[in-house]
Amino acid sequence: MKQLRMLYVEDNDELRETFQEMLEDDQREVVACATAEEALVLWDASHFDVLVSDISLPGMSGTDLARRIIAKHPERWVVLCSGYQHGDALRALGPRVRELAKPFELDDLDRLMDEIRSSHDGAP
């Protein structure tokens, strides 16, 4: 089973560090950053299977980041995290976009990662 590479974008330093440690395991490599602008540089410089991003970020929003990633790589998965429900607006971004309501439990994110991994493993 191939390791899933995840780019995690969260502007809260403590939350970003905590979740990076909790998410990383033998099946997932997690690279974390604080801004959408930094995420774009990292995304272009390396291969990631999934973007997990807060929607409310300083500068460019997580939604705008997702649009740019999807425009370049529509086959990649995107998980957007927010304290508000965005529903149809996020679904309109594409079939591989998921919403995760904050505050979320690590189990909720793990379930989403399992769904993504299953889809990814089944891809040609």
PDB file of N, CA and C in Angstrom:
ATOM      1  N   MET A   1       0.838  -1.177   0.000  1.00  0.00           N
ATOM      2  CA  MET A   1       0.000   0.000   0.000  1.00  0.00           C
ATOM      3  C   MET A   1       0.888   1.247   0.000  1.00  0.00           C
ATOM      4  N   LYS A   2       0.660   2.126  -0.958  1.00  0.00           N
ATOM      5  CA  LYS A   2       1.432   3.350  -1.107  1.00  0.00           C
ATOM      6  C   LYS A   2       1.076   4.345   0.003  1.00  0.00           C
ATOM      7  N   GLN A   3       2.095   5.085   0.438  1.00  0.00           N
ATOM      8  CA  GLN A   3       1.866   6.105   1.447  1.00  0.00           C
ATOM      9  C   GLN A   3       1.096   7.280   0.834  1.00  0.00           C
ATOM     10  N   LEU A   4       0.091   7.772   1.546  1.00  0.00           N
ATOM     11  CA  LEU A   4      -0.699   8.911   1.107  1.00  0.00           C
ATOM     12  C   LEU A   4       0.029  10.186   1.537  1.00  0.00           C
ATOM     13  N   ARG A   5       0.296  11.086   0.582  1.00  0.00           N
ATOM     14  CA  ARG A   5       0.977  12.351   0.899  1.00  0.00           C
ATOM     15  C   ARG A   5      -0.065  13.450   1.022  1.00  0.00           C
ATOM     16  N   MET A   6      -0.072  14.108   2.176  1.00  0.00           N
ATOM     17  CA  MET A   6      -1.069  15.107   2.495  1.00  0.00           C
ATOM     18  C   MET A   6      -0.400  16.456   2.754  1.00  0.00           C
ATOM     19  N   LEU A   7      -0.986  17.514   2.187  1.00  0.00           N
ATOM     20  CA  LEU A   7      -0.571  18.875   2.493  1.00  0.00           C
ATOM     21  C   LEU A   7      -1.647  19.465   3.392  1.00  0.00           C
ATOM     22  N   TYR A   8      -1.256  19.867   4.594  1.00  0.00           N
ATOM     23  CA  TYR A   8      -2.193  20.357   5.606  1.00  0.00           C
ATOM     24  C   TYR A   8      -1.937  21.845   5.836  1.00  0.00           C
ATOM     25  N   VAL A   9      -2.959  22.671   5.626  1.00  0.00           N
ATOM     26  CA  VAL A   9      -2.825  24.124   5.748  1.00  0.00           C
ATOM     27  C   VAL A   9      -3.710  24.616   6.894  1.00  0.00           C
ATOM     28  N   GLU A  10      -3.062  25.201   7.890  1.00  0.00           N
ATOM     29  CA  GLU A  10      -3.762  25.703   9.078  1.00  0.00           C
ATOM     30  C   GLU A  10      -2.950  26.856   9.635  1.00  0.00           C
ATOM     31  N   ASP A  11      -3.589  28.013   9.825  1.00  0.00           N
ATOM     32  CA  ASP A  11      -2.848  29.187  10.299  1.00  0.00           C
ATOM     33  C   ASP A  11      -2.633  29.207  11.807  1.00  0.00           C
ATOM     34  N   ASN A  12      -3.351  28.404  12.565  1.00  0.00           N
ATOM     35  CA  ASN A  12      -3.147  28.311  14.014  1.00  0.00           C
ATOM     36  C   ASN A  12      -1.959  27.380  14.273  1.00  0.00           C
ATOM     37  N   ASP A  13      -0.856  27.953  14.755  1.00  0.00           N
ATOM     38  CA  ASP A  13       0.390  27.198  14.932  1.00  0.00           C
ATOM     39  C   ASP A  13       0.216  25.952  15.796  1.00  0.00           C
ATOM     40  N   GLU A  14      -0.444  26.114  16.929  1.00  0.00           N
ATOM     41  CA  GLU A  14      -0.604  24.988  17.856  1.00  0.00           C
ATOM     42  C   GLU A  14      -1.440  23.869  17.235  1.00  0.00           C
ATOM     43  N   LEU A  15      -2.542  24.251  16.626  1.00  0.00           N
ATOM     44  CA  LEU A  15      -3.421  23.266  15.981  1.00  0.00           C
ATOM     45  C   LEU A  15      -2.692  22.567  14.833  1.00  0.00           C
ATOM     46  N   ARG A  16      -1.967  23.334  14.030  1.00  0.00           N
ATOM     47  CA  ARG A  16      -1.232  22.765  12.894  1.00  0.00           C
ATOM     48  C   ARG A  16      -0.209  21.736  13.374  1.00  0.00           C
ATOM     49  N   GLU A  17       0.578  22.086  14.375  1.00  0.00           N
ATOM     50  CA  GLU A  17       1.608  21.169  14.876  1.00  0.00           C
ATOM     51  C   GLU A  17       0.995  19.924  15.499  1.00  0.00           C
ATOM     52  N   THR A  18      -0.066  20.119  16.277  1.00  0.00           N
ATOM     53  CA  THR A  18      -0.724  18.980  16.934  1.00  0.00           C
ATOM     54  C   THR A  18      -1.291  18.006  15.913  1.00  0.00           C
ATOM     55  N   PHE A  19      -2.044  18.538  14.946  1.00  0.00           N
ATOM     56  CA  PHE A  19      -2.660  17.651  13.965  1.00  0.00           C
ATOM     57  C   PHE A  19      -1.637  17.017  13.036  1.00  0.00           C
ATOM     58  N   GLN A  20      -0.580  17.724  12.727  1.00  0.00           N
ATOM     59  CA  GLN A  20       0.460  17.115  11.889  1.00  0.00           C
ATOM     60  C   GLN A  20       1.032  15.880  12.584  1.00  0.00           C
ATOM     61  N   GLU A  21       1.324  16.010  13.866  1.00  0.00           N
ATOM     62  CA  GLU A  21       1.854  14.872  14.626  1.00  0.00           C
ATOM     63  C   GLU A  21       0.845  13.734  14.703  1.00  0.00           C
ATOM     64  N   MET A  22      -0.435  14.084  14.923  1.00  0.00           N
ATOM     65  CA  MET A  22      -1.460  13.065  15.079  1.00  0.00           C
ATOM     66  C   MET A  22      -1.803  12.374  13.767  1.00  0.00           C
ATOM     67  N   LEU A  23      -1.723  13.097  12.657  1.00  0.00           N
ATOM     68  CA  LEU A  23      -2.103  12.541  11.354  1.00  0.00           C
ATOM     69  C   LEU A  23      -1.024  11.678  10.736  1.00  0.00           C
ATOM     70  N   GLU A  24       0.224  11.997  11.029  1.00  0.00           N
ATOM     71  CA  GLU A  24       1.313  11.277  10.386  1.00  0.00           C
ATOM     72  C   GLU A  24       1.441   9.879  10.969  1.00  0.00           C
ATOM     73  N   ASP A  25       1.519   8.904  10.086  1.00  0.00           N
ATOM     74  CA  ASP A  25       1.737   7.520  10.502  1.00  0.00           C
ATOM     75  C   ASP A  25       2.420   6.787   9.354  1.00  0.00           C
ATOM     76  N   ASP A  26       2.501   5.480   9.434  1.00  0.00           N
ATOM     77  CA  ASP A  26       3.213   4.732   8.393  1.00  0.00           C
ATOM     78  C   ASP A  26       2.482   4.736   7.052  1.00  0.00           C
ATOM     79  N   GLN A  27       1.193   5.118   7.051  1.00  0.00           N
ATOM     80  CA  GLN A  27       0.429   5.161   5.800  1.00  0.00           C
ATOM     81  C   GLN A  27       0.254   6.575   5.255  1.00  0.00           C
ATOM     82  N   ARG A  28       0.628   7.593   6.072  1.00  0.00           N
ATOM     83  CA  ARG A  28       0.426   8.986   5.668  1.00  0.00           C
ATOM     84  C   ARG A  28       1.666   9.819   5.977  1.00  0.00           C
ATOM     85  N   GLU A  29       2.078  10.586   4.996  1.00  0.00           N
ATOM     86  CA  GLU A  29       3.097  11.599   5.208  1.00  0.00           C
ATOM     87  C   GLU A  29       2.383  12.941   5.170  1.00  0.00           C
ATOM     88  N   VAL A  30       2.642  13.779   6.169  1.00  0.00           N
ATOM     89  CA  VAL A  30       1.953  15.055   6.274  1.00  0.00           C
ATOM     90  C   VAL A  30       2.967  16.193   6.242  1.00  0.00           C
ATOM     91  N   VAL A  31       2.776  17.100   5.296  1.00  0.00           N
ATOM     92  CA  VAL A  31       3.561  18.327   5.233  1.00  0.00           C
ATOM     93  C   VAL A  31       2.589  19.435   5.607  1.00  0.00           C
ATOM     94  N   ALA A  32       2.983  20.291   6.555  1.00  0.00           N
ATOM     95  CA  ALA A  32       2.079  21.329   7.043  1.00  0.00           C
ATOM     96  C   ALA A  32       2.655  22.716   6.803  1.00  0.00           C
ATOM     97  N   CYS A  33       1.749  23.666   6.578  1.00  0.00           N
ATOM     98  CA  CYS A  33       2.152  25.062   6.417  1.00  0.00           C
ATOM     99  C   CYS A  33       1.029  25.952   6.923  1.00  0.00           C
ATOM    100  N   ALA A  34       1.314  27.280   7.000  1.00  0.00           N
ATOM    101  CA  ALA A  34       0.386  28.202   7.634  1.00  0.00           C
ATOM    102  C   ALA A  34      -0.459  29.028   6.675  1.00  0.00           C
ATOM    103  N   THR A  35      -0.055  29.126   5.405  1.00  0.00           N
ATOM    104  CA  THR A  35      -0.792  29.986   4.471  1.00  0.00           C
ATOM    105  C   THR A  35      -1.056  29.283   3.144  1.00  0.00           C
ATOM    106  N   ALA A  36      -2.067  29.773   2.452  1.00  0.00           N
ATOM    107  CA  ALA A  36      -2.386  29.238   1.133  1.00  0.00           C
ATOM    108  C   ALA A  36      -1.263  29.526   0.144  1.00  0.00           C
ATOM    109  N   GLU A  37      -0.650  30.685   0.278  1.00  0.00           N
ATOM    110  CA  GLU A  37       0.438  31.053  -0.619  1.00  0.00           C
ATOM    111  C   GLU A  37       1.609  30.081  -0.464  1.00  0.00           C
ATOM    112  N   GLU A  38       1.942  29.754   0.771  1.00  0.00           N
ATOM    113  CA  GLU A  38       3.009  28.773   1.025  1.00  0.00           C
ATOM    114  C   GLU A  38       2.598  27.397   0.491  1.00  0.00           C
ATOM    115  N   ALA A  39       1.331  27.060   0.655  1.00  0.00           N
ATOM    116  CA  ALA A  39       0.829  25.769   0.176  1.00  0.00           C
ATOM    117  C   ALA A  39       0.982  25.638  -1.335  1.00  0.00           C
ATOM    118  N   LEU A  40       0.713  26.709  -2.072  1.00  0.00           N
ATOM    119  CA  LEU A  40       0.858  26.664  -3.536  1.00  0.00           C
ATOM    120  C   LEU A  40       2.301  26.381  -3.941  1.00  0.00           C
ATOM    121  N   VAL A  41       3.243  27.012  -3.256  1.00  0.00           N
ATOM    122  CA  VAL A  41       4.664  26.779  -3.542  1.00  0.00           C
ATOM    123  C   VAL A  41       5.013  25.317  -3.262  1.00  0.00           C
ATOM    124  N   LEU A  42       4.580  24.806  -2.106  1.00  0.00           N
ATOM    125  CA  LEU A  42       4.861  23.410  -1.756  1.00  0.00           C
ATOM    126  C   LEU A  42       4.192  22.450  -2.738  1.00  0.00           C
ATOM    127  N   TRP A  43       2.944  22.732  -3.102  1.00  0.00           N
ATOM    128  CA  TRP A  43       2.182  21.864  -4.015  1.00  0.00           C
ATOM    129  C   TRP A  43       2.890  21.762  -5.361  1.00  0.00           C
ATOM    130  N   ASP A  44       3.366  22.905  -5.852  1.00  0.00           N
ATOM    131  CA  ASP A  44       4.040  22.917  -7.155  1.00  0.00           C
ATOM    132  C   ASP A  44       5.413  22.252  -7.107  1.00  0.00           C
ATOM    133  N   ALA A  45       6.036  22.237  -5.937  1.00  0.00           N
ATOM    134  CA  ALA A  45       7.387  21.694  -5.804  1.00  0.00           C
ATOM    135  C   ALA A  45       7.403  20.188  -5.531  1.00  0.00           C
ATOM    136  N   SER A  46       6.273  19.621  -5.147  1.00  0.00           N
ATOM    137  CA  SER A  46       6.250  18.209  -4.764  1.00  0.00           C
ATOM    138  C   SER A  46       4.915  17.588  -5.176  1.00  0.00           C
ATOM    139  N   HIS A  47       4.804  16.283  -4.999  1.00  0.00           N
ATOM    140  CA  HIS A  47       3.555  15.583  -5.316  1.00  0.00           C
ATOM    141  C   HIS A  47       2.781  15.322  -4.023  1.00  0.00           C
ATOM    142  N   PHE A  48       1.535  15.753  -3.995  1.00  0.00           N
ATOM    143  CA  PHE A  48       0.642  15.463  -2.872  1.00  0.00           C
ATOM    144  C   PHE A  48      -0.612  14.802  -3.417  1.00  0.00           C
ATOM    145  N   ASP A  49      -1.156  13.872  -2.644  1.00  0.00           N
ATOM    146  CA  ASP A  49      -2.385  13.176  -3.035  1.00  0.00           C
ATOM    147  C   ASP A  49      -3.626  13.923  -2.581  1.00  0.00           C
ATOM    148  N   VAL A  50      -3.501  14.666  -1.478  1.00  0.00           N
ATOM    149  CA  VAL A  50      -4.660  15.326  -0.900  1.00  0.00           C
ATOM    150  C   VAL A  50      -4.245  16.635  -0.230  1.00  0.00           C
ATOM    151  N   LEU A  51      -5.123  17.623  -0.365  1.00  0.00           N
ATOM    152  CA  LEU A  51      -4.983  18.899   0.320  1.00  0.00           C
ATOM    153  C   LEU A  51      -6.021  18.937   1.426  1.00  0.00           C
ATOM    154  N   VAL A  52      -5.591  19.228   2.653  1.00  0.00           N
ATOM    155  CA  VAL A  52      -6.503  19.465   3.768  1.00  0.00           C
ATOM    156  C   VAL A  52      -6.237  20.892   4.215  1.00  0.00           C
ATOM    157  N   SER A  53      -7.254  21.748   4.123  1.00  0.00           N
ATOM    158  CA  SER A  53      -7.034  23.155   4.417  1.00  0.00           C
ATOM    159  C   SER A  53      -8.179  23.763   5.197  1.00  0.00           C
ATOM    160  N   ASP A  54      -7.796  24.649   6.120  1.00  0.00           N
ATOM    161  CA  ASP A  54      -8.760  25.523   6.767  1.00  0.00           C
ATOM    162  C   ASP A  54      -9.295  26.448   5.676  1.00  0.00           C
ATOM    163  N   ILE A  55     -10.547  26.856   5.768  1.00  0.00           N
ATOM    164  CA  ILE A  55     -11.090  27.790   4.791  1.00  0.00           C
ATOM    165  C   ILE A  55     -10.649  29.217   5.114  1.00  0.00           C
ATOM    166  N   SER A  56     -10.707  29.574   6.396  1.00  0.00           N
ATOM    167  CA  SER A  56     -10.338  30.935   6.816  1.00  0.00           C
ATOM    168  C   SER A  56      -8.845  31.010   7.081  1.00  0.00           C
ATOM    169  N   LEU A  57      -8.138  31.581   6.119  1.00  0.00           N
ATOM    170  CA  LEU A  57      -6.693  31.745   6.221  1.00  0.00           C
ATOM    171  C   LEU A  57      -6.356  33.210   5.977  1.00  0.00           C
ATOM    172  N   PRO A  58      -5.226  33.685   6.512  1.00  0.00           N
ATOM    173  CA  PRO A  58      -4.814  35.053   6.186  1.00  0.00           C
ATOM    174  C   PRO A  58      -4.418  35.114   4.706  1.00  0.00           C
ATOM    175  N   GLY A  59      -4.687  36.215   4.041  1.00  0.00           N
ATOM    176  CA  GLY A  59      -4.369  36.296   2.611  1.00  0.00           C
ATOM    177  C   GLY A  59      -5.379  35.491   1.814  1.00  0.00           C
ATOM    178  N   MET A  60      -4.878  34.633   0.933  1.00  0.00           N
ATOM    179  CA  MET A  60      -5.742  33.794   0.103  1.00  0.00           C
ATOM    180  C   MET A  60      -6.510  32.801   0.984  1.00  0.00           C
ATOM    181  N   SER A  61      -7.787  32.633   0.702  1.00  0.00           N
ATOM    182  CA  SER A  61      -8.609  31.694   1.487  1.00  0.00           C
ATOM    183  C   SER A  61      -8.334  30.245   1.085  1.00  0.00           C
ATOM    184  N   GLY A  62      -8.733  29.334   1.939  1.00  0.00           N
ATOM    185  CA  GLY A  62      -8.616  27.918   1.628  1.00  0.00           C
ATOM    186  C   GLY A  62      -9.459  27.526   0.422  1.00  0.00           C
ATOM    187  N   THR A  63     -10.594  28.197   0.243  1.00  0.00           N
ATOM    188  CA  THR A  63     -11.453  27.922  -0.908  1.00  0.00           C
ATOM    189  C   THR A  63     -10.764  28.338  -2.205  1.00  0.00           C
ATOM    190  N   ASP A  64     -10.128  29.509  -2.193  1.00  0.00           N
ATOM    191  CA  ASP A  64      -9.402  29.945  -3.388  1.00  0.00           C
ATOM    192  C   ASP A  64      -8.208  29.030  -3.665  1.00  0.00           C
ATOM    193  N   LEU A  65      -7.539  28.593  -2.608  1.00  0.00           N
ATOM    194  CA  LEU A  65      -6.448  27.627  -2.754  1.00  0.00           C
ATOM    195  C   LEU A  65      -6.970  26.353  -3.403  1.00  0.00           C
ATOM    196  N   ALA A  66      -8.091  25.858  -2.905  1.00  0.00           N
ATOM    197  CA  ALA A  66      -8.688  24.638  -3.460  1.00  0.00           C
ATOM    198  C   ALA A  66      -9.007  24.807  -4.945  1.00  0.00           C
ATOM    199  N   ARG A  67      -9.569  25.945  -5.322  1.00  0.00           N
ATOM    200  CA  ARG A  67      -9.896  26.193  -6.736  1.00  0.00           C
ATOM    201  C   ARG A  67      -8.641  26.111  -7.602  1.00  0.00           C
ATOM    202  N   ARG A  68      -7.554  26.696  -7.134  1.00  0.00           N
ATOM    203  CA  ARG A  68      -6.310  26.668  -7.910  1.00  0.00           C
ATOM    204  C   ARG A  68      -5.754  25.251  -8.028  1.00  0.00           C
ATOM    205  N   ILE A  69      -5.805  24.504  -6.934  1.00  0.00           N
ATOM    206  CA  ILE A  69      -5.301  23.125  -6.946  1.00  0.00           C
ATOM    207  C   ILE A  69      -6.156  22.266  -7.883  1.00  0.00           C
ATOM    208  N   ILE A  70      -7.464  22.400  -7.771  1.00  0.00           N
ATOM    209  CA  ILE A  70      -8.388  21.613  -8.598  1.00  0.00           C
ATOM    210  C   ILE A  70      -8.231  21.960 -10.076  1.00  0.00           C
ATOM    211  N   ALA A  71      -7.994  23.238 -10.387  1.00  0.00           N
ATOM    212  CA  ALA A  71      -7.811  23.643 -11.785  1.00  0.00           C
ATOM    213  C   ALA A  71      -6.594  22.953 -12.405  1.00  0.00           C
ATOM    214  N   LYS A  72      -5.541  22.780 -11.620  1.00  0.00           N
ATOM    215  CA  LYS A  72      -4.325  22.133 -12.115  1.00  0.00           C
ATOM    216  C   LYS A  72      -4.397  20.610 -12.033  1.00  0.00           C
ATOM    217  N   HIS A  73      -5.045  20.118 -10.978  1.00  0.00           N
ATOM    218  CA  HIS A  73      -5.049  18.675 -10.696  1.00  0.00           C
ATOM    219  C   HIS A  73      -6.454  18.221 -10.264  1.00  0.00           C
ATOM    220  N   PRO A  74      -7.398  18.121 -11.184  1.00  0.00           N
ATOM    221  CA  PRO A  74      -8.770  17.746 -10.801  1.00  0.00           C
ATOM    222  C   PRO A  74      -8.881  16.329 -10.231  1.00  0.00           C
ATOM    223  N   GLU A  75      -7.856  15.512 -10.419  1.00  0.00           N
ATOM    224  CA  GLU A  75      -7.890  14.142  -9.895  1.00  0.00           C
ATOM    225  C   GLU A  75      -7.498  14.061  -8.420  1.00  0.00           C
ATOM    226  N   ARG A  76      -6.990  15.150  -7.863  1.00  0.00           N
ATOM    227  CA  ARG A  76      -6.552  15.152  -6.458  1.00  0.00           C
ATOM    228  C   ARG A  76      -7.723  15.453  -5.538  1.00  0.00           C
ATOM    229  N   TRP A  77      -7.591  15.003  -4.309  1.00  0.00           N
ATOM    230  CA  TRP A  77      -8.629  15.202  -3.307  1.00  0.00           C
ATOM    231  C   TRP A  77      -8.372  16.479  -2.527  1.00  0.00           C
ATOM    232  N   VAL A  78      -9.465  17.121  -2.091  1.00  0.00           N
ATOM    233  CA  VAL A  78      -9.397  18.327  -1.274  1.00  0.00           C
ATOM    234  C   VAL A  78     -10.389  18.181  -0.126  1.00  0.00           C
ATOM    235  N   VAL A  79      -9.908  18.464   1.095  1.00  0.00           N
ATOM    236  CA  VAL A  79     -10.771  18.493   2.277  1.00  0.00           C
ATOM    237  C   VAL A  79     -10.674  19.901   2.849  1.00  0.00           C
ATOM    238  N   LEU A  80     -11.822  20.585   2.916  1.00  0.00           N
ATOM    239  CA  LEU A  80     -11.853  21.940   3.450  1.00  0.00           C
ATOM    240  C   LEU A  80     -12.512  21.927   4.826  1.00  0.00           C
ATOM    241  N   CYS A  81     -11.855  22.580   5.783  1.00  0.00           N
ATOM    242  CA  CYS A  81     -12.302  22.587   7.169  1.00  0.00           C
ATOM    243  C   CYS A  81     -12.808  23.972   7.547  1.00  0.00           C
ATOM    244  N   SER A  82     -13.967  24.004   8.216  1.00  0.00           N
ATOM    245  CA  SER A  82     -14.543  25.283   8.597  1.00  0.00           C
ATOM    246  C   SER A  82     -15.494  25.108   9.768  1.00  0.00           C
ATOM    247  N   GLY A  83     -15.665  26.179  10.517  1.00  0.00           N
ATOM    248  CA  GLY A  83     -16.640  26.190  11.595  1.00  0.00           C
ATOM    249  C   GLY A  83     -18.046  26.455  11.091  1.00  0.00           C
ATOM    250  N   TYR A  84     -18.175  26.715   9.796  1.00  0.00           N
ATOM    251  CA  TYR A  84     -19.469  27.004   9.178  1.00  0.00           C
ATOM    252  C   TYR A  84     -19.751  25.966   8.099  1.00  0.00           C
ATOM    253  N   GLN A  85     -21.033  25.715   7.863  1.00  0.00           N
ATOM    254  CA  GLN A  85     -21.426  24.786   6.808  1.00  0.00           C
ATOM    255  C   GLN A  85     -21.435  25.518   5.470  1.00  0.00           C
ATOM    256  N   HIS A  86     -20.773  24.960   4.466  1.00  0.00           N
ATOM    257  CA  HIS A  86     -20.724  25.565   3.143  1.00  0.00           C
ATOM    258  C   HIS A  86     -21.441  24.712   2.099  1.00  0.00           C
ATOM    259  N   GLY A  87     -21.652  23.448   2.404  1.00  0.00           N
ATOM    260  CA  GLY A  87     -22.458  22.538   1.600  1.00  0.00           C
ATOM    261  C   GLY A  87     -22.332  22.643   0.102  1.00  0.00           C
ATOM    262  N   ASP A  88     -23.389  23.173  -0.541  1.00  0.00           N
ATOM    263  CA  ASP A  88     -23.469  23.212  -2.004  1.00  0.00           C
ATOM    264  C   ASP A  88     -22.318  23.987  -2.637  1.00  0.00           C
ATOM    265  N   ALA A  89     -21.881  25.057  -1.986  1.00  0.00           N
ATOM    266  CA  ALA A  89     -20.787  25.867  -2.543  1.00  0.00           C
ATOM    267  C   ALA A  89     -19.512  25.030  -2.669  1.00  0.00           C
ATOM    268  N   LEU A  90     -19.245  24.179  -1.707  1.00  0.00           N
ATOM    269  CA  LEU A  90     -18.050  23.337  -1.777  1.00  0.00           C
ATOM    270  C   LEU A  90     -18.254  22.163  -2.712  1.00  0.00           C
ATOM    271  N   ARG A  91     -19.450  21.585  -2.711  1.00  0.00           N
ATOM    272  CA  ARG A  91     -19.732  20.468  -3.627  1.00  0.00           C
ATOM    273  C   ARG A  91     -19.575  20.913  -5.073  1.00  0.00           C
ATOM    274  N   ALA A  92     -19.861  22.176  -5.336  1.00  0.00           N
ATOM    275  CA  ALA A  92     -19.752  22.709  -6.700  1.00  0.00           C
ATOM    276  C   ALA A  92     -18.297  22.748  -7.175  1.00  0.00           C
ATOM    277  N   LEU A  93     -17.348  22.664  -6.245  1.00  0.00           N
ATOM    278  CA  LEU A  93     -15.930  22.678  -6.629  1.00  0.00           C
ATOM    279  C   LEU A  93     -15.513  21.394  -7.336  1.00  0.00           C
ATOM    280  N   GLY A  94     -16.218  20.309  -7.063  1.00  0.00           N
ATOM    281  CA  GLY A  94     -15.890  19.065  -7.746  1.00  0.00           C
ATOM    282  C   GLY A  94     -16.185  17.830  -6.928  1.00  0.00           C
ATOM    283  N   PRO A  95     -16.157  16.662  -7.565  1.00  0.00           N
ATOM    284  CA  PRO A  95     -16.541  15.415  -6.898  1.00  0.00           C
ATOM    285  C   PRO A  95     -15.533  14.921  -5.861  1.00  0.00           C
ATOM    286  N   ARG A  96     -14.329  15.453  -5.877  1.00  0.00           N
ATOM    287  CA  ARG A  96     -13.311  15.009  -4.918  1.00  0.00           C
ATOM    288  C   ARG A  96     -13.072  16.034  -3.816  1.00  0.00           C
ATOM    289  N   VAL A  97     -14.061  16.865  -3.579  1.00  0.00           N
ATOM    290  CA  VAL A  97     -13.971  17.861  -2.513  1.00  0.00           C
ATOM    291  C   VAL A  97     -14.884  17.428  -1.371  1.00  0.00           C
ATOM    292  N   ARG A  98     -14.343  17.453  -0.170  1.00  0.00           N
ATOM    293  CA  ARG A  98     -15.110  17.101   1.020  1.00  0.00           C
ATOM    294  C   ARG A  98     -15.019  18.242   2.021  1.00  0.00           C
ATOM    295  N   GLU A  99     -16.058  18.359   2.841  1.00  0.00           N
ATOM    296  CA  GLU A  99     -16.105  19.373   3.899  1.00  0.00           C
ATOM    297  C   GLU A  99     -15.979  18.672   5.241  1.00  0.00           C
ATOM    298  N   LEU A 100     -15.218  19.276   6.132  1.00  0.00           N
ATOM    299  CA  LEU A 100     -15.060  18.755   7.486  1.00  0.00           C
ATOM    300  C   LEU A 100     -15.347  19.896   8.442  1.00  0.00           C
ATOM    301  N   ALA A 101     -16.428  19.752   9.227  1.00  0.00           N
ATOM    302  CA  ALA A 101     -16.843  20.818  10.136  1.00  0.00           C
ATOM    303  C   ALA A 101     -15.919  20.882  11.348  1.00  0.00           C
ATOM    304  N   LYS A 102     -15.527  22.100  11.699  1.00  0.00           N
ATOM    305  CA  LYS A 102     -14.717  22.331  12.900  1.00  0.00           C
ATOM    306  C   LYS A 102     -15.651  22.633  14.060  1.00  0.00           C
ATOM    307  N   PRO A 103     -15.345  22.256  15.260  1.00  0.00           N
ATOM    308  CA  PRO A 103     -14.181  21.431  15.592  1.00  0.00           C
ATOM    309  C   PRO A 103     -14.457  19.987  15.213  1.00  0.00           C
ATOM    310  N   PHE A 104     -13.451  19.318  14.681  1.00  0.00           N
ATOM    311  CA  PHE A 104     -13.628  17.926  14.296  1.00  0.00           C
ATOM    312  C   PHE A 104     -12.726  17.043  15.147  1.00  0.00           C
ATOM    313  N   GLU A 105     -13.129  15.806  15.239  1.00  0.00           N
ATOM    314  CA  GLU A 105     -12.331  14.818  15.948  1.00  0.00           C
ATOM    315  C   GLU A 105     -11.364  14.188  14.952  1.00  0.00           C
ATOM    316  N   LEU A 106     -10.254  13.728  15.440  1.00  0.00           N
ATOM    317  CA  LEU A 106      -9.283  13.066  14.578  1.00  0.00           C
ATOM    318  C   LEU A 106      -9.923  11.868  13.873  1.00  0.00           C
ATOM    319  N   ASP A 107     -10.851  11.178  14.548  1.00  0.00           N
ATOM    320  CA  ASP A 107     -11.549  10.034  13.934  1.00  0.00           C
ATOM    321  C   ASP A 107     -12.310  10.453  12.679  1.00  0.00           C
ATOM    322  N   ASP A 108     -12.898  11.664  12.705  1.00  0.00           N
ATOM    323  CA  ASP A 108     -13.632  12.154  11.536  1.00  0.00           C
ATOM    324  C   ASP A 108     -12.686  12.318  10.345  1.00  0.00           C
ATOM    325  N   LEU A 109     -11.520  12.898  10.611  1.00  0.00           N
ATOM    326  CA  LEU A 109     -10.540  13.080   9.546  1.00  0.00           C
ATOM    327  C   LEU A 109      -9.976  11.735   9.097  1.00  0.00           C
ATOM    328  N   ASP A 110      -9.764  10.828  10.033  1.00  0.00           N
ATOM    329  CA  ASP A 110      -9.283   9.484   9.683  1.00  0.00           C
ATOM    330  C   ASP A 110     -10.262   8.775   8.746  1.00  0.00           C
ATOM    331  N   ARG A 111     -11.570   8.899   9.015  1.00  0.00           N
ATOM    332  CA  ARG A 111     -12.580   8.277   8.146  1.00  0.00           C
ATOM    333  C   ARG A 111     -12.497   8.852   6.729  1.00  0.00           C
ATOM    334  N   LEU A 112     -12.344  10.160   6.643  1.00  0.00           N
ATOM    335  CA  LEU A 112     -12.205  10.782   5.325  1.00  0.00           C
ATOM    336  C   LEU A 112     -10.940  10.305   4.625  1.00  0.00           C
ATOM    337  N   MET A 113      -9.854  10.210   5.354  1.00  0.00           N
ATOM    338  CA  MET A 113      -8.594   9.743   4.762  1.00  0.00           C
ATOM    339  C   MET A 113      -8.723   8.292   4.303  1.00  0.00           C
ATOM    340  N   ASP A 114      -9.469   7.480   5.046  1.00  0.00           N
ATOM    341  CA  ASP A 114      -9.713   6.095   4.629  1.00  0.00           C
ATOM    342  C   ASP A 114     -10.506   6.061   3.324  1.00  0.00           C
ATOM    343  N   GLU A 115     -11.517   6.933   3.201  1.00  0.00           N
ATOM    344  CA  GLU A 115     -12.307   7.021   1.971  1.00  0.00           C
ATOM    345  C   GLU A 115     -11.404   7.417   0.798  1.00  0.00           C
ATOM    346  N   ILE A 116     -10.554   8.402   1.029  1.00  0.00           N
ATOM    347  CA  ILE A 116      -9.649   8.872  -0.017  1.00  0.00           C
ATOM    348  C   ILE A 116      -8.637   7.791  -0.375  1.00  0.00           C
ATOM    349  N   ARG A 117      -8.098   7.132   0.633  1.00  0.00           N
ATOM    350  CA  ARG A 117      -7.127   6.057   0.396  1.00  0.00           C
ATOM    351  C   ARG A 117      -7.772   4.931  -0.419  1.00  0.00           C
ATOM    352  N   SER A 118      -8.997   4.556  -0.088  1.00  0.00           N
ATOM    353  CA  SER A 118      -9.692   3.490  -0.829  1.00  0.00           C
ATOM    354  C   SER A 118      -9.851   3.875  -2.284  1.00  0.00           C
ATOM    355  N   SER A 119     -10.235   5.115  -2.530  1.00  0.00           N
ATOM    356  CA  SER A 119     -10.394   5.590  -3.896  1.00  0.00           C
ATOM    357  C   SER A 119      -9.048   5.642  -4.599  1.00  0.00           C
ATOM    358  N   HIS A 120      -8.037   6.101  -3.902  1.00  0.00           N
ATOM    359  CA  HIS A 120      -6.701   6.254  -4.455  1.00  0.00           C
ATOM    360  C   HIS A 120      -6.099   4.884  -4.786  1.00  0.00           C
ATOM    361  N   ASP A 121      -6.249   3.919  -3.875  1.00  0.00           N
ATOM    362  CA  ASP A 121      -5.719   2.572  -4.092  1.00  0.00           C
ATOM    363  C   ASP A 121      -6.404   1.877  -5.253  1.00  0.00           C
ATOM    364  N   GLY A 122      -7.675   2.227  -5.486  1.00  0.00           N
ATOM    365  CA  GLY A 122      -8.417   1.605  -6.573  1.00  0.00           C
ATOM    366  C   GLY A 122      -8.194   2.263  -7.922  1.00  0.00           C
ATOM    367  N   ALA A 123      -7.493   3.392  -7.902  1.00  0.00           N
ATOM    368  CA  ALA A 123      -7.243   4.120  -9.166  1.00  0.00           C
ATOM    369  C   ALA A 123      -6.211   3.385 -10.006  1.00  0.00           C
ATOM    370  N   PRO A 124      -6.330   3.520 -11.331  1.00  0.00           N
ATOM    371  CA  PRO A 124      -5.354   2.838 -12.212  1.00  0.00           C
ATOM    372  C   PRO A 124      -3.974   3.454 -12.100  1.00  0.00           C
TER     373      PRO A 124
END
